[in-house]
Amino acid sequence: MAVILVTGPARSGKSEWAEALAGQSAESVVYLATGREDPEDPEWQARIERHRQRRPPHWQTWAVPVELTPALRRLAPPQTVLVDSLGTWVANGLELEASEWEERQGDFLAFLGETALDLVLVAEETGWGLVPPYPLGRRFRDRLGALTRRVGSAADQVYLVVGGYALDLSRWGEPLPLKD
């Protein structure tokens, strides 16, 4: 079992790197897509379609915009599971109160600690810019940043994809102590 986190900014190639890692597996691959379809947004639909076109046709794809952990619990090894992305999953739960979010996040993190699945998780880095001037933007940035840090501390391998390069942070970096 391995948990791999692939993180980076928008358009950095993190999804392609995660797909390459999953594609190296000798196991069947299940792709868990957290993005919601939106026929009213053609640009968003085009992004979803680009992701579909890159995936091999023999990979299974499940749409799980909200119920990510229950979907993961339905899977059994030997399989490789690619989750793209944690940021979209967080965005789909922004209406949750803090206690509800903590419960959902806690269930997901507990699953990471107990699973025998091989997991490749994609997460966006959103905190490299200004603090958003509106509450919902701050809530998203803070929730995703905290989740990514906690997933990173639980992961066997962490990659940062930036500028067209994938850096193995678990090899070249020093882990920080996890603070709640």
N, C-alpha and C. Protein backbone atom coordinates (compact mmCIF):
# COMPACT_ATOMS: atom_id res chain seq x y z
N MET A 1 0.84 -1.18 0.00
CA MET A 1 0.00 0.00 0.00
C MET A 1 0.87 1.23 0.00
N ALA A 2 0.49 2.19 -0.82
CA ALA A 2 1.19 3.47 -0.84
C ALA A 2 0.17 4.59 -1.01
N VAL A 3 0.38 5.66 -0.27
CA VAL A 3 -0.42 6.87 -0.45
C VAL A 3 0.54 7.92 -1.00
N ILE A 4 0.19 8.45 -2.17
CA ILE A 4 1.02 9.45 -2.84
C ILE A 4 0.19 10.71 -2.99
N LEU A 5 0.74 11.84 -2.58
CA LEU A 5 0.11 13.14 -2.74
C LEU A 5 0.85 13.90 -3.83
N VAL A 6 0.09 14.42 -4.80
CA VAL A 6 0.65 15.26 -5.86
C VAL A 6 -0.01 16.61 -5.72
N THR A 7 0.79 17.64 -5.45
CA THR A 7 0.24 18.97 -5.22
C THR A 7 0.97 19.98 -6.11
N GLY A 8 0.33 21.11 -6.31
CA GLY A 8 0.93 22.16 -7.12
C GLY A 8 -0.11 23.19 -7.50
N PRO A 9 0.34 24.26 -8.15
CA PRO A 9 -0.58 25.32 -8.57
C PRO A 9 -1.37 24.92 -9.82
N ALA A 10 -2.28 25.78 -10.20
CA ALA A 10 -3.11 25.56 -11.38
C ALA A 10 -2.24 25.43 -12.63
N ARG A 11 -2.63 24.52 -13.49
CA ARG A 11 -2.00 24.31 -14.79
C ARG A 11 -0.53 23.91 -14.70
N SER A 12 -0.13 23.34 -13.58
CA SER A 12 1.27 22.96 -13.39
C SER A 12 1.60 21.60 -13.97
N GLY A 13 0.57 20.77 -14.21
CA GLY A 13 0.80 19.41 -14.68
C GLY A 13 0.59 18.36 -13.61
N LYS A 14 0.03 18.77 -12.46
CA LYS A 14 -0.12 17.82 -11.36
C LYS A 14 -1.05 16.66 -11.72
N SER A 15 -2.13 16.91 -12.44
CA SER A 15 -3.01 15.82 -12.82
C SER A 15 -2.32 14.86 -13.79
N GLU A 16 -1.57 15.41 -14.74
CA GLU A 16 -0.84 14.55 -15.68
C GLU A 16 0.20 13.70 -14.95
N TRP A 17 0.88 14.29 -13.96
CA TRP A 17 1.88 13.53 -13.19
C TRP A 17 1.19 12.43 -12.39
N ALA A 18 0.06 12.76 -11.76
CA ALA A 18 -0.68 11.76 -11.00
C ALA A 18 -1.16 10.63 -11.92
N GLU A 19 -1.61 10.98 -13.11
CA GLU A 19 -2.05 9.96 -14.06
C GLU A 19 -0.87 9.08 -14.49
N ALA A 20 0.30 9.67 -14.68
CA ALA A 20 1.48 8.88 -15.04
C ALA A 20 1.85 7.92 -13.91
N LEU A 21 1.79 8.39 -12.67
CA LEU A 21 2.08 7.52 -11.53
C LEU A 21 1.09 6.37 -11.44
N ALA A 22 -0.19 6.67 -11.59
CA ALA A 22 -1.22 5.62 -11.54
C ALA A 22 -1.04 4.65 -12.70
N GLY A 23 -0.66 5.18 -13.86
CA GLY A 23 -0.48 4.34 -15.04
C GLY A 23 0.69 3.37 -14.93
N GLN A 24 1.62 3.62 -14.00
CA GLN A 24 2.75 2.71 -13.78
C GLN A 24 2.34 1.48 -12.98
N SER A 25 1.16 1.52 -12.40
CA SER A 25 0.70 0.41 -11.56
C SER A 25 0.36 -0.80 -12.42
N ALA A 26 0.63 -1.97 -11.89
CA ALA A 26 0.23 -3.21 -12.55
C ALA A 26 -1.21 -3.56 -12.19
N GLU A 27 -1.80 -2.82 -11.27
CA GLU A 27 -3.17 -3.05 -10.81
C GLU A 27 -4.16 -2.30 -11.71
N SER A 28 -5.43 -2.66 -11.59
CA SER A 28 -6.45 -1.88 -12.28
C SER A 28 -6.53 -0.50 -11.61
N VAL A 29 -6.94 0.50 -12.39
CA VAL A 29 -7.00 1.88 -11.88
C VAL A 29 -8.45 2.35 -11.86
N VAL A 30 -8.82 2.93 -10.73
CA VAL A 30 -10.12 3.57 -10.59
C VAL A 30 -9.86 5.06 -10.37
N TYR A 31 -10.46 5.88 -11.22
CA TYR A 31 -10.29 7.33 -11.17
C TYR A 31 -11.52 7.92 -10.50
N LEU A 32 -11.32 8.57 -9.36
CA LEU A 32 -12.42 9.22 -8.65
C LEU A 32 -12.38 10.71 -8.97
N ALA A 33 -13.35 11.16 -9.75
CA ALA A 33 -13.43 12.55 -10.19
C ALA A 33 -14.34 13.32 -9.24
N THR A 34 -13.82 14.37 -8.62
CA THR A 34 -14.61 15.13 -7.65
C THR A 34 -15.31 16.34 -8.28
N GLY A 35 -15.01 16.64 -9.53
CA GLY A 35 -15.65 17.78 -10.19
C GLY A 35 -17.09 17.47 -10.57
N ARG A 36 -17.94 18.47 -10.40
CA ARG A 36 -19.35 18.33 -10.79
C ARG A 36 -19.52 18.77 -12.24
N GLU A 37 -20.28 18.01 -12.99
CA GLU A 37 -20.65 18.42 -14.35
C GLU A 37 -21.49 19.69 -14.26
N ASP A 38 -21.31 20.61 -15.20
CA ASP A 38 -22.11 21.82 -15.25
C ASP A 38 -22.32 22.22 -16.70
N PRO A 39 -23.40 21.73 -17.32
CA PRO A 39 -23.66 22.04 -18.73
C PRO A 39 -23.80 23.54 -19.01
N GLU A 40 -24.05 24.33 -17.97
CA GLU A 40 -24.18 25.79 -18.14
C GLU A 40 -22.83 26.48 -18.23
N ASP A 41 -21.74 25.74 -17.99
CA ASP A 41 -20.39 26.31 -17.99
C ASP A 41 -19.53 25.56 -19.01
N PRO A 42 -19.52 26.02 -20.27
CA PRO A 42 -18.78 25.29 -21.31
C PRO A 42 -17.28 25.21 -21.06
N GLU A 43 -16.71 26.22 -20.43
CA GLU A 43 -15.26 26.18 -20.15
C GLU A 43 -14.95 25.08 -19.14
N TRP A 44 -15.79 24.94 -18.11
CA TRP A 44 -15.61 23.89 -17.11
C TRP A 44 -15.79 22.51 -17.76
N GLN A 45 -16.80 22.38 -18.58
CA GLN A 45 -17.04 21.11 -19.28
C GLN A 45 -15.86 20.76 -20.18
N ALA A 46 -15.24 21.76 -20.80
CA ALA A 46 -14.06 21.50 -21.65
C ALA A 46 -12.90 20.99 -20.81
N ARG A 47 -12.73 21.52 -19.61
CA ARG A 47 -11.68 21.03 -18.70
C ARG A 47 -11.92 19.56 -18.34
N ILE A 48 -13.15 19.24 -18.01
CA ILE A 48 -13.50 17.86 -17.66
C ILE A 48 -13.22 16.95 -18.85
N GLU A 49 -13.60 17.40 -20.04
CA GLU A 49 -13.39 16.58 -21.23
C GLU A 49 -11.90 16.36 -21.52
N ARG A 50 -11.06 17.37 -21.29
CA ARG A 50 -9.60 17.19 -21.47
C ARG A 50 -9.07 16.11 -20.53
N HIS A 51 -9.55 16.11 -19.31
CA HIS A 51 -9.14 15.07 -18.36
C HIS A 51 -9.60 13.70 -18.84
N ARG A 52 -10.83 13.61 -19.33
CA ARG A 52 -11.34 12.33 -19.84
C ARG A 52 -10.49 11.81 -20.99
N GLN A 53 -10.14 12.70 -21.89
CA GLN A 53 -9.39 12.30 -23.08
C GLN A 53 -8.01 11.77 -22.74
N ARG A 54 -7.43 12.23 -21.65
CA ARG A 54 -6.09 11.77 -21.26
C ARG A 54 -6.11 10.39 -20.61
N ARG A 55 -7.22 10.01 -20.03
CA ARG A 55 -7.29 8.74 -19.30
C ARG A 55 -7.38 7.56 -20.25
N PRO A 56 -6.66 6.49 -19.93
CA PRO A 56 -6.81 5.27 -20.73
C PRO A 56 -8.25 4.74 -20.66
N PRO A 57 -8.74 4.18 -21.74
CA PRO A 57 -10.14 3.73 -21.75
C PRO A 57 -10.43 2.58 -20.79
N HIS A 58 -9.42 1.83 -20.37
CA HIS A 58 -9.67 0.71 -19.47
C HIS A 58 -9.75 1.13 -17.99
N TRP A 59 -9.46 2.39 -17.67
CA TRP A 59 -9.62 2.86 -16.30
C TRP A 59 -11.11 3.04 -16.02
N GLN A 60 -11.53 2.66 -14.83
CA GLN A 60 -12.89 2.97 -14.39
C GLN A 60 -12.91 4.42 -13.91
N THR A 61 -14.01 5.12 -14.14
CA THR A 61 -14.17 6.47 -13.62
C THR A 61 -15.46 6.56 -12.84
N TRP A 62 -15.34 7.07 -11.62
CA TRP A 62 -16.51 7.31 -10.78
C TRP A 62 -16.57 8.80 -10.48
N ALA A 63 -17.74 9.38 -10.62
CA ALA A 63 -17.97 10.78 -10.23
C ALA A 63 -18.38 10.80 -8.76
N VAL A 64 -17.55 11.43 -7.93
CA VAL A 64 -17.82 11.50 -6.49
C VAL A 64 -17.56 12.92 -5.98
N PRO A 65 -18.42 13.86 -6.34
CA PRO A 65 -18.17 15.25 -5.94
C PRO A 65 -18.24 15.49 -4.44
N VAL A 66 -18.99 14.68 -3.70
CA VAL A 66 -19.17 14.91 -2.27
C VAL A 66 -18.79 13.68 -1.45
N GLU A 67 -19.28 12.53 -1.82
CA GLU A 67 -19.14 11.30 -1.03
C GLU A 67 -17.84 10.57 -1.34
N LEU A 68 -16.72 11.25 -1.21
CA LEU A 68 -15.42 10.68 -1.55
C LEU A 68 -15.06 9.51 -0.64
N THR A 69 -15.12 9.69 0.66
CA THR A 69 -14.71 8.62 1.57
C THR A 69 -15.60 7.39 1.46
N PRO A 70 -16.93 7.54 1.38
CA PRO A 70 -17.75 6.34 1.17
C PRO A 70 -17.39 5.60 -0.12
N ALA A 71 -17.08 6.34 -1.18
CA ALA A 71 -16.67 5.70 -2.44
C ALA A 71 -15.36 4.94 -2.24
N LEU A 72 -14.41 5.55 -1.56
CA LEU A 72 -13.14 4.88 -1.30
C LEU A 72 -13.34 3.60 -0.49
N ARG A 73 -14.24 3.64 0.46
CA ARG A 73 -14.50 2.47 1.30
C ARG A 73 -15.13 1.31 0.53
N ARG A 74 -15.75 1.59 -0.61
CA ARG A 74 -16.33 0.53 -1.45
C ARG A 74 -15.28 -0.19 -2.29
N LEU A 75 -14.09 0.35 -2.37
CA LEU A 75 -13.02 -0.24 -3.19
C LEU A 75 -12.18 -1.18 -2.35
N ALA A 76 -11.61 -2.17 -3.01
CA ALA A 76 -10.77 -3.14 -2.30
C ALA A 76 -9.50 -3.41 -3.10
N PRO A 77 -8.41 -3.65 -2.40
CA PRO A 77 -7.18 -3.99 -3.11
C PRO A 77 -7.32 -5.34 -3.81
N PRO A 78 -6.57 -5.63 -4.81
CA PRO A 78 -5.50 -4.78 -5.35
C PRO A 78 -6.04 -3.85 -6.43
N GLN A 79 -6.04 -2.58 -6.14
CA GLN A 79 -6.42 -1.53 -7.09
C GLN A 79 -5.60 -0.28 -6.78
N THR A 80 -5.37 0.50 -7.81
CA THR A 80 -4.81 1.83 -7.62
C THR A 80 -5.94 2.81 -7.84
N VAL A 81 -6.05 3.75 -6.92
CA VAL A 81 -7.12 4.74 -6.98
C VAL A 81 -6.49 6.12 -7.13
N LEU A 82 -6.94 6.85 -8.15
CA LEU A 82 -6.49 8.22 -8.37
C LEU A 82 -7.65 9.15 -8.03
N VAL A 83 -7.44 10.07 -7.10
CA VAL A 83 -8.46 11.05 -6.71
C VAL A 83 -8.04 12.40 -7.26
N ASP A 84 -8.86 12.95 -8.15
CA ASP A 84 -8.57 14.25 -8.75
C ASP A 84 -9.83 15.10 -8.68
N SER A 85 -9.94 16.01 -7.74
CA SER A 85 -8.93 16.50 -6.85
C SER A 85 -9.51 16.80 -5.48
N LEU A 86 -8.61 16.92 -4.51
CA LEU A 86 -9.05 17.26 -3.16
C LEU A 86 -9.58 18.68 -3.09
N GLY A 87 -9.03 19.58 -3.89
CA GLY A 87 -9.51 20.96 -3.90
C GLY A 87 -10.95 21.07 -4.33
N THR A 88 -11.31 20.33 -5.36
CA THR A 88 -12.70 20.36 -5.82
C THR A 88 -13.61 19.72 -4.78
N TRP A 89 -13.12 18.66 -4.13
CA TRP A 89 -13.90 18.02 -3.06
C TRP A 89 -14.14 19.01 -1.92
N VAL A 90 -13.11 19.75 -1.53
CA VAL A 90 -13.27 20.77 -0.48
C VAL A 90 -14.28 21.82 -0.94
N ALA A 91 -14.15 22.29 -2.17
CA ALA A 91 -15.06 23.32 -2.69
C ALA A 91 -16.51 22.84 -2.67
N ASN A 92 -16.72 21.57 -2.94
CA ASN A 92 -18.07 21.02 -2.96
C ASN A 92 -18.67 20.89 -1.56
N GLY A 93 -17.87 21.12 -0.52
CA GLY A 93 -18.38 21.05 0.86
C GLY A 93 -18.22 22.35 1.61
N LEU A 94 -18.07 23.46 0.91
CA LEU A 94 -17.86 24.74 1.60
C LEU A 94 -19.06 25.19 2.43
N GLU A 95 -20.24 24.69 2.10
CA GLU A 95 -21.43 25.09 2.86
C GLU A 95 -21.48 24.42 4.22
N LEU A 96 -20.64 23.41 4.44
CA LEU A 96 -20.64 22.71 5.72
C LEU A 96 -20.14 23.61 6.85
N GLU A 97 -20.78 23.49 7.99
CA GLU A 97 -20.29 24.18 9.18
C GLU A 97 -18.94 23.58 9.57
N ALA A 98 -18.17 24.29 10.36
CA ALA A 98 -16.83 23.84 10.74
C ALA A 98 -16.85 22.44 11.35
N SER A 99 -17.81 22.17 12.22
CA SER A 99 -17.86 20.84 12.87
C SER A 99 -18.18 19.75 11.86
N GLU A 100 -19.06 20.03 10.91
CA GLU A 100 -19.39 19.05 9.87
C GLU A 100 -18.18 18.79 8.97
N TRP A 101 -17.47 19.85 8.62
CA TRP A 101 -16.28 19.69 7.80
C TRP A 101 -15.23 18.87 8.54
N GLU A 102 -15.03 19.16 9.82
CA GLU A 102 -14.04 18.41 10.61
C GLU A 102 -14.39 16.92 10.64
N GLU A 103 -15.67 16.61 10.74
CA GLU A 103 -16.09 15.21 10.74
C GLU A 103 -15.80 14.57 9.37
N ARG A 104 -16.15 15.25 8.29
CA ARG A 104 -15.91 14.71 6.94
C ARG A 104 -14.42 14.53 6.69
N GLN A 105 -13.65 15.56 7.04
CA GLN A 105 -12.20 15.50 6.86
C GLN A 105 -11.59 14.41 7.74
N GLY A 106 -12.04 14.31 8.98
CA GLY A 106 -11.52 13.29 9.90
C GLY A 106 -11.79 11.89 9.40
N ASP A 107 -12.96 11.66 8.84
CA ASP A 107 -13.28 10.35 8.28
C ASP A 107 -12.35 10.02 7.12
N PHE A 108 -12.09 11.01 6.26
CA PHE A 108 -11.18 10.81 5.13
C PHE A 108 -9.76 10.50 5.62
N LEU A 109 -9.28 11.27 6.57
CA LEU A 109 -7.92 11.05 7.08
C LEU A 109 -7.81 9.71 7.81
N ALA A 110 -8.84 9.31 8.52
CA ALA A 110 -8.84 8.00 9.17
C ALA A 110 -8.75 6.90 8.12
N PHE A 111 -9.48 7.07 7.02
CA PHE A 111 -9.42 6.09 5.93
C PHE A 111 -7.99 5.97 5.40
N LEU A 112 -7.32 7.09 5.22
CA LEU A 112 -5.94 7.05 4.72
C LEU A 112 -5.04 6.22 5.64
N GLY A 113 -5.29 6.29 6.94
CA GLY A 113 -4.47 5.56 7.89
C GLY A 113 -4.76 4.07 7.95
N GLU A 114 -5.88 3.65 7.42
CA GLU A 114 -6.26 2.24 7.54
C GLU A 114 -6.33 1.49 6.23
N THR A 115 -6.26 2.19 5.09
CA THR A 115 -6.48 1.54 3.80
C THR A 115 -5.29 0.69 3.34
N ALA A 116 -5.60 -0.32 2.57
CA ALA A 116 -4.57 -1.13 1.91
C ALA A 116 -4.55 -0.84 0.41
N LEU A 117 -5.35 0.13 -0.02
CA LEU A 117 -5.36 0.54 -1.43
C LEU A 117 -4.11 1.36 -1.74
N ASP A 118 -3.69 1.32 -2.99
CA ASP A 118 -2.69 2.27 -3.47
C ASP A 118 -3.46 3.50 -3.92
N LEU A 119 -3.10 4.66 -3.36
CA LEU A 119 -3.82 5.90 -3.64
C LEU A 119 -2.88 6.95 -4.21
N VAL A 120 -3.35 7.64 -5.23
CA VAL A 120 -2.67 8.83 -5.75
C VAL A 120 -3.68 9.96 -5.61
N LEU A 121 -3.35 10.96 -4.81
CA LEU A 121 -4.26 12.06 -4.50
C LEU A 121 -3.71 13.35 -5.08
N VAL A 122 -4.56 14.09 -5.78
CA VAL A 122 -4.18 15.38 -6.36
C VAL A 122 -4.78 16.49 -5.50
N ALA A 123 -3.96 17.50 -5.17
CA ALA A 123 -4.44 18.65 -4.39
C ALA A 123 -3.83 19.92 -4.94
N GLU A 124 -4.64 20.95 -5.01
CA GLU A 124 -4.17 22.24 -5.49
C GLU A 124 -3.51 23.02 -4.35
N GLU A 125 -2.51 23.80 -4.70
CA GLU A 125 -1.90 24.74 -3.75
C GLU A 125 -2.53 26.10 -3.99
N THR A 126 -3.27 26.59 -3.02
CA THR A 126 -3.98 27.85 -3.20
C THR A 126 -3.42 28.98 -2.36
N GLY A 127 -2.58 28.68 -1.41
CA GLY A 127 -2.15 29.69 -0.45
C GLY A 127 -0.90 30.46 -0.84
N TRP A 128 -0.51 30.44 -2.10
CA TRP A 128 0.72 31.12 -2.52
C TRP A 128 0.49 32.57 -2.90
N GLY A 129 -0.74 33.02 -2.83
CA GLY A 129 -1.05 34.39 -3.20
C GLY A 129 -1.59 35.16 -2.02
N LEU A 130 -2.38 36.16 -2.33
CA LEU A 130 -2.99 37.00 -1.32
C LEU A 130 -4.05 36.25 -0.54
N VAL A 131 -4.31 36.69 0.66
CA VAL A 131 -5.43 36.18 1.43
C VAL A 131 -6.70 36.70 0.76
N PRO A 132 -7.64 35.80 0.40
CA PRO A 132 -8.86 36.27 -0.27
C PRO A 132 -9.60 37.30 0.58
N PRO A 133 -10.13 38.34 -0.05
CA PRO A 133 -10.81 39.40 0.70
C PRO A 133 -12.26 39.08 1.05
N TYR A 134 -12.69 37.84 0.86
CA TYR A 134 -14.07 37.47 1.16
C TYR A 134 -14.07 36.16 1.97
N PRO A 135 -15.04 36.00 2.86
CA PRO A 135 -15.03 34.86 3.79
C PRO A 135 -15.01 33.48 3.13
N LEU A 136 -15.79 33.28 2.08
CA LEU A 136 -15.85 31.96 1.45
C LEU A 136 -14.50 31.59 0.82
N GLY A 137 -13.83 32.57 0.24
CA GLY A 137 -12.50 32.32 -0.32
C GLY A 137 -11.50 31.95 0.75
N ARG A 138 -11.55 32.62 1.89
CA ARG A 138 -10.66 32.28 3.01
C ARG A 138 -10.97 30.90 3.56
N ARG A 139 -12.26 30.58 3.65
CA ARG A 139 -12.65 29.26 4.14
C ARG A 139 -12.09 28.18 3.23
N PHE A 140 -12.22 28.35 1.90
CA PHE A 140 -11.69 27.36 0.95
C PHE A 140 -10.19 27.22 1.10
N ARG A 141 -9.49 28.34 1.07
CA ARG A 141 -8.03 28.31 1.14
C ARG A 141 -7.55 27.66 2.43
N ASP A 142 -8.16 28.02 3.55
CA ASP A 142 -7.73 27.48 4.84
C ASP A 142 -8.05 25.99 4.96
N ARG A 143 -9.24 25.60 4.53
CA ARG A 143 -9.60 24.18 4.62
C ARG A 143 -8.71 23.32 3.72
N LEU A 144 -8.51 23.76 2.49
CA LEU A 144 -7.68 22.96 1.59
C LEU A 144 -6.24 22.94 2.05
N GLY A 145 -5.72 24.07 2.50
CA GLY A 145 -4.34 24.11 2.99
C GLY A 145 -4.12 23.17 4.17
N ALA A 146 -5.05 23.20 5.12
CA ALA A 146 -4.92 22.33 6.30
C ALA A 146 -5.06 20.86 5.91
N LEU A 147 -6.00 20.56 5.01
CA LEU A 147 -6.18 19.17 4.57
C LEU A 147 -4.93 18.68 3.84
N THR A 148 -4.41 19.48 2.95
CA THR A 148 -3.23 19.08 2.19
C THR A 148 -2.05 18.82 3.11
N ARG A 149 -1.88 19.65 4.10
CA ARG A 149 -0.78 19.43 5.06
C ARG A 149 -0.97 18.12 5.81
N ARG A 150 -2.18 17.84 6.23
CA ARG A 150 -2.44 16.61 6.97
C ARG A 150 -2.29 15.38 6.07
N VAL A 151 -2.75 15.48 4.84
CA VAL A 151 -2.57 14.37 3.90
C VAL A 151 -1.09 14.17 3.62
N GLY A 152 -0.37 15.26 3.44
CA GLY A 152 1.07 15.17 3.20
C GLY A 152 1.80 14.46 4.33
N SER A 153 1.38 14.72 5.56
CA SER A 153 2.06 14.08 6.69
C SER A 153 1.72 12.59 6.77
N ALA A 154 0.59 12.18 6.19
CA ALA A 154 0.20 10.77 6.20
C ALA A 154 0.69 10.02 4.97
N ALA A 155 1.11 10.76 3.95
CA ALA A 155 1.48 10.15 2.67
C ALA A 155 2.86 9.50 2.74
N ASP A 156 3.03 8.47 1.93
CA ASP A 156 4.33 7.81 1.79
C ASP A 156 5.25 8.62 0.89
N GLN A 157 4.64 9.32 -0.06
CA GLN A 157 5.41 10.12 -1.00
C GLN A 157 4.62 11.38 -1.31
N VAL A 158 5.32 12.51 -1.43
CA VAL A 158 4.69 13.78 -1.76
C VAL A 158 5.47 14.42 -2.89
N TYR A 159 4.73 14.80 -3.94
CA TYR A 159 5.33 15.49 -5.07
C TYR A 159 4.76 16.90 -5.17
N LEU A 160 5.63 17.85 -5.50
CA LEU A 160 5.23 19.19 -5.86
C LEU A 160 5.48 19.34 -7.35
N VAL A 161 4.44 19.67 -8.09
CA VAL A 161 4.58 19.86 -9.53
C VAL A 161 4.47 21.36 -9.80
N VAL A 162 5.53 21.91 -10.37
CA VAL A 162 5.56 23.34 -10.65
C VAL A 162 6.51 23.58 -11.81
N GLY A 163 6.14 24.50 -12.68
CA GLY A 163 7.00 24.85 -13.80
C GLY A 163 7.31 23.68 -14.72
N GLY A 164 6.40 22.71 -14.78
CA GLY A 164 6.61 21.56 -15.64
C GLY A 164 7.53 20.49 -15.07
N TYR A 165 7.85 20.59 -13.77
CA TYR A 165 8.71 19.60 -13.11
C TYR A 165 8.00 19.03 -11.90
N ALA A 166 8.24 17.75 -11.66
CA ALA A 166 7.73 17.10 -10.45
C ALA A 166 8.90 16.93 -9.49
N LEU A 167 8.77 17.53 -8.33
CA LEU A 167 9.80 17.43 -7.30
C LEU A 167 9.34 16.46 -6.22
N ASP A 168 10.16 15.50 -5.88
CA ASP A 168 9.83 14.54 -4.84
C ASP A 168 10.18 15.17 -3.48
N LEU A 169 9.18 15.76 -2.85
CA LEU A 169 9.40 16.44 -1.57
C LEU A 169 9.74 15.47 -0.45
N SER A 170 9.24 14.24 -0.55
CA SER A 170 9.54 13.26 0.49
C SER A 170 11.01 12.86 0.45
N ARG A 171 11.64 13.05 -0.68
CA ARG A 171 13.07 12.74 -0.80
C ARG A 171 13.93 13.96 -0.47
N TRP A 172 13.53 15.12 -0.93
CA TRP A 172 14.36 16.32 -0.83
C TRP A 172 13.95 17.26 0.28
N GLY A 173 12.79 17.06 0.86
CA GLY A 173 12.31 17.97 1.89
C GLY A 173 12.41 17.40 3.28
N GLU A 174 12.10 18.22 4.25
CA GLU A 174 12.05 17.82 5.66
C GLU A 174 10.61 18.00 6.13
N PRO A 175 9.99 16.96 6.66
CA PRO A 175 8.61 17.09 7.12
C PRO A 175 8.52 18.00 8.35
N LEU A 176 7.49 18.80 8.37
CA LEU A 176 7.21 19.64 9.54
C LEU A 176 6.39 18.84 10.54
N PRO A 177 6.49 19.17 11.82
CA PRO A 177 5.59 18.50 12.77
C PRO A 177 4.16 18.92 12.49
N LEU A 178 3.24 17.98 12.60
CA LEU A 178 1.83 18.26 12.35
C LEU A 178 1.23 18.93 13.57
N LYS A 179 0.58 20.07 13.35
CA LYS A 179 -0.09 20.80 14.43
C LYS A 179 -1.57 20.86 14.12
N ASP A 180 -2.38 20.68 15.13
CA ASP A 180 -3.84 20.77 14.92
C ASP A 180 -4.33 22.18 15.11
